[in-house]
Amino acid sequence: MIIRFDSNREYFTEELCHINELSNHEGDESVSVAQARVEPGVRTRLHRLKDTTERYVILSGQGMVEVGELAPATVQKGDVVLIPSMCPQRITNTGTEELVFLAICSPRFRQENYEDIEINE
């Protein structure tokens, strides 16, 4: 199967980023791949995924990622961030261009596994 990229599939989330589900379907339960875009100066909402391990593969831009108890860390093109199930996470675009990354989930991303844990400051 070849799934062609379609920019028209992109949507904006409550998490404050643009998502294009590149591959996420019942025929491939083991993994999903989405392209995420975060606009300059935007910090996504703090969240976690139940029963799902996620990886960010940074394609372009620069940011600051927060994962669990780790100190916030800068990320840039080529970096991979491993996020275990139920681990709080968010990312901030610290650059002047869009931060673009792949979000690879195993098993595949399901909306019911997403939990927003943003603390109003």
C-alpha atoms as a PDB file:
ATOM      1  CA  MET A   1       0.000   0.000   0.000  1.00  0.00           C
ATOM      2  CA  ILE A   2       1.174   3.520  -0.732  1.00  0.00           C
ATOM      3  CA  ILE A   3      -0.521   6.362   1.089  1.00  0.00           C
ATOM      4  CA  ARG A   4      -0.012   9.643  -0.729  1.00  0.00           C
ATOM      5  CA  PHE A   5       0.580  12.863   1.175  1.00  0.00           C
ATOM      6  CA  ASP A   6      -2.468  15.138   1.048  1.00  0.00           C
ATOM      7  CA  SER A   7      -2.134  18.580   2.633  1.00  0.00           C
ATOM      8  CA  ASN A   8      -5.951  18.867   2.650  1.00  0.00           C
ATOM      9  CA  ARG A   9      -6.125  16.232   5.429  1.00  0.00           C
ATOM     10  CA  GLU A  10      -4.404  18.550   7.895  1.00  0.00           C
ATOM     11  CA  TYR A  11      -6.469  19.836  10.822  1.00  0.00           C
ATOM     12  CA  PHE A  12      -5.843  22.101  13.827  1.00  0.00           C
ATOM     13  CA  THR A  13      -6.123  20.492  17.264  1.00  0.00           C
ATOM     14  CA  GLU A  14      -7.090  21.718  20.723  1.00  0.00           C
ATOM     15  CA  GLU A  15      -3.495  20.827  21.596  1.00  0.00           C
ATOM     16  CA  LEU A  16      -2.536  23.918  19.512  1.00  0.00           C
ATOM     17  CA  CYS A  17      -0.801  22.200  16.622  1.00  0.00           C
ATOM     18  CA  HIS A  18      -1.625  21.216  13.048  1.00  0.00           C
ATOM     19  CA  ILE A  19      -1.849  17.462  12.425  1.00  0.00           C
ATOM     20  CA  ASN A  20      -1.871  15.479   9.202  1.00  0.00           C
ATOM     21  CA  GLU A  21      -2.498  11.780   9.851  1.00  0.00           C
ATOM     22  CA  LEU A  22      -0.170  10.206   7.298  1.00  0.00           C
ATOM     23  CA  SER A  23      -1.004   6.633   8.306  1.00  0.00           C
ATOM     24  CA  ASN A  24      -3.491   5.689  11.002  1.00  0.00           C
ATOM     25  CA  HIS A  25      -5.984   2.959  10.194  1.00  0.00           C
ATOM     26  CA  GLU A  26      -7.460  -0.299  11.446  1.00  0.00           C
ATOM     27  CA  GLY A  27      -5.473  -2.314   8.925  1.00  0.00           C
ATOM     28  CA  ASP A  28      -2.237  -1.336  10.686  1.00  0.00           C
ATOM     29  CA  GLU A  29      -2.906  -1.432  14.436  1.00  0.00           C
ATOM     30  CA  SER A  30       0.773  -1.586  15.367  1.00  0.00           C
ATOM     31  CA  VAL A  31       1.769   1.969  14.432  1.00  0.00           C
ATOM     32  CA  SER A  32       0.548   5.362  13.247  1.00  0.00           C
ATOM     33  CA  VAL A  33       2.465   8.219  11.680  1.00  0.00           C
ATOM     34  CA  ALA A  34       1.351  11.854  11.732  1.00  0.00           C
ATOM     35  CA  GLN A  35       3.036  15.048  10.636  1.00  0.00           C
ATOM     36  CA  ALA A  36       2.753  17.802  13.251  1.00  0.00           C
ATOM     37  CA  ARG A  37       3.338  21.520  12.705  1.00  0.00           C
ATOM     38  CA  VAL A  38       3.710  24.011  15.530  1.00  0.00           C
ATOM     39  CA  GLU A  39       3.728  27.713  14.711  1.00  0.00           C
ATOM     40  CA  PRO A  40       6.504  30.013  16.022  1.00  0.00           C
ATOM     41  CA  GLY A  41       6.049  30.951  19.671  1.00  0.00           C
ATOM     42  CA  VAL A  42       3.365  28.306  20.318  1.00  0.00           C
ATOM     43  CA  ARG A  43       3.577  25.783  23.158  1.00  0.00           C
ATOM     44  CA  THR A  44       1.356  22.724  22.838  1.00  0.00           C
ATOM     45  CA  ARG A  45      -0.874  21.685  25.705  1.00  0.00           C
ATOM     46  CA  LEU A  46       0.521  19.319  28.319  1.00  0.00           C
ATOM     47  CA  HIS A  47      -0.882  15.855  27.627  1.00  0.00           C
ATOM     48  CA  ARG A  48      -0.184  12.134  27.814  1.00  0.00           C
ATOM     49  CA  LEU A  49      -1.185   9.026  25.913  1.00  0.00           C
ATOM     50  CA  LYS A  50      -2.589   5.930  27.605  1.00  0.00           C
ATOM     51  CA  ASP A  51      -1.233   2.566  26.384  1.00  0.00           C
ATOM     52  CA  THR A  52       0.742   4.319  23.626  1.00  0.00           C
ATOM     53  CA  THR A  53       4.448   5.007  23.160  1.00  0.00           C
ATOM     54  CA  GLU A  54       5.156   8.061  21.024  1.00  0.00           C
ATOM     55  CA  ARG A  55       8.238   9.251  19.188  1.00  0.00           C
ATOM     56  CA  TYR A  56       8.856  12.721  17.781  1.00  0.00           C
ATOM     57  CA  VAL A  57      11.215  12.840  14.793  1.00  0.00           C
ATOM     58  CA  ILE A  58      12.121  16.484  14.229  1.00  0.00           C
ATOM     59  CA  LEU A  59      12.095  17.351  10.511  1.00  0.00           C
ATOM     60  CA  SER A  60      12.619  21.115  10.608  1.00  0.00           C
ATOM     61  CA  GLY A  61      12.637  24.076  12.956  1.00  0.00           C
ATOM     62  CA  GLN A  62      13.704  24.155  16.560  1.00  0.00           C
ATOM     63  CA  GLY A  63      11.948  23.748  19.851  1.00  0.00           C
ATOM     64  CA  MET A  64      11.980  22.946  23.527  1.00  0.00           C
ATOM     65  CA  VAL A  65      10.488  19.616  24.530  1.00  0.00           C
ATOM     66  CA  GLU A  66       9.248  18.674  27.999  1.00  0.00           C
ATOM     67  CA  VAL A  67       8.907  14.954  28.734  1.00  0.00           C
ATOM     68  CA  GLY A  68       8.028  13.628  32.181  1.00  0.00           C
ATOM     69  CA  GLU A  69      10.570  14.455  34.883  1.00  0.00           C
ATOM     70  CA  LEU A  70      13.364  15.262  32.422  1.00  0.00           C
ATOM     71  CA  ALA A  71      14.659  18.823  32.270  1.00  0.00           C
ATOM     72  CA  PRO A  72      13.293  20.733  29.260  1.00  0.00           C
ATOM     73  CA  ALA A  73      15.581  20.088  26.284  1.00  0.00           C
ATOM     74  CA  THR A  74      16.171  21.796  22.960  1.00  0.00           C
ATOM     75  CA  VAL A  75      15.425  19.819  19.802  1.00  0.00           C
ATOM     76  CA  GLN A  76      16.244  20.396  16.155  1.00  0.00           C
ATOM     77  CA  LYS A  77      16.288  18.635  12.787  1.00  0.00           C
ATOM     78  CA  GLY A  78      17.241  14.973  13.112  1.00  0.00           C
ATOM     79  CA  ASP A  79      16.535  14.630  16.834  1.00  0.00           C
ATOM     80  CA  VAL A  80      14.266  11.840  18.098  1.00  0.00           C
ATOM     81  CA  VAL A  81      12.278  12.157  21.330  1.00  0.00           C
ATOM     82  CA  LEU A  82      11.032   8.920  22.947  1.00  0.00           C
ATOM     83  CA  ILE A  83       7.901   9.344  25.082  1.00  0.00           C
ATOM     84  CA  PRO A  84       6.673   6.354  27.120  1.00  0.00           C
ATOM     85  CA  SER A  85       2.989   5.674  27.710  1.00  0.00           C
ATOM     86  CA  MET A  86       1.335   7.964  30.327  1.00  0.00           C
ATOM     87  CA  CYS A  87       4.330  10.325  30.343  1.00  0.00           C
ATOM     88  CA  PRO A  88       3.393  14.045  30.390  1.00  0.00           C
ATOM     89  CA  GLN A  89       4.668  15.842  27.299  1.00  0.00           C
ATOM     90  CA  ARG A  90       4.554  19.076  25.344  1.00  0.00           C
ATOM     91  CA  ILE A  91       6.693  20.973  22.873  1.00  0.00           C
ATOM     92  CA  THR A  92       7.326  24.674  22.271  1.00  0.00           C
ATOM     93  CA  ASN A  93       8.416  26.198  18.995  1.00  0.00           C
ATOM     94  CA  THR A  94      11.301  28.462  20.044  1.00  0.00           C
ATOM     95  CA  GLY A  95      12.281  29.450  16.500  1.00  0.00           C
ATOM     96  CA  THR A  96      11.052  31.871  13.871  1.00  0.00           C
ATOM     97  CA  GLU A  97       9.923  29.162  11.424  1.00  0.00           C
ATOM     98  CA  GLU A  98       7.408  26.365  11.824  1.00  0.00           C
ATOM     99  CA  LEU A  99       8.502  23.377  13.905  1.00  0.00           C
ATOM    100  CA  VAL A 100       7.658  20.248  11.894  1.00  0.00           C
ATOM    101  CA  PHE A 101       7.989  16.694  13.188  1.00  0.00           C
ATOM    102  CA  LEU A 102       6.643  13.202  12.761  1.00  0.00           C
ATOM    103  CA  ALA A 103       4.648  11.772  15.650  1.00  0.00           C
ATOM    104  CA  ILE A 104       5.003   8.004  15.489  1.00  0.00           C
ATOM    105  CA  CYS A 105       2.777   6.069  17.898  1.00  0.00           C
ATOM    106  CA  SER A 106       2.742   2.389  18.809  1.00  0.00           C
ATOM    107  CA  PRO A 107       0.247   0.959  18.920  1.00  0.00           C
ATOM    108  CA  ARG A 108      -1.520   3.396  16.590  1.00  0.00           C
ATOM    109  CA  PHE A 109      -2.908   6.667  17.963  1.00  0.00           C
ATOM    110  CA  ARG A 110      -6.486   6.561  19.182  1.00  0.00           C
ATOM    111  CA  GLN A 111      -8.245   9.711  20.359  1.00  0.00           C
ATOM    112  CA  GLU A 112      -9.663   7.905  23.412  1.00  0.00           C
ATOM    113  CA  ASN A 113      -6.073   7.370  24.661  1.00  0.00           C
ATOM    114  CA  TYR A 114      -5.323  11.115  24.612  1.00  0.00           C
ATOM    115  CA  GLU A 115      -5.521  12.914  27.966  1.00  0.00           C
ATOM    116  CA  ASP A 116      -5.153  16.701  28.262  1.00  0.00           C
ATOM    117  CA  ILE A 117      -3.469  17.457  31.602  1.00  0.00           C
ATOM    118  CA  GLU A 118      -2.759  21.167  31.078  1.00  0.00           C
ATOM    119  CA  ILE A 119      -2.596  23.044  34.362  1.00  0.00           C
ATOM    120  CA  ASN A 120      -4.042  26.532  34.115  1.00  0.00           C
ATOM    121  CA  GLU A 121      -1.345  28.892  35.285  1.00  0.00           C
END
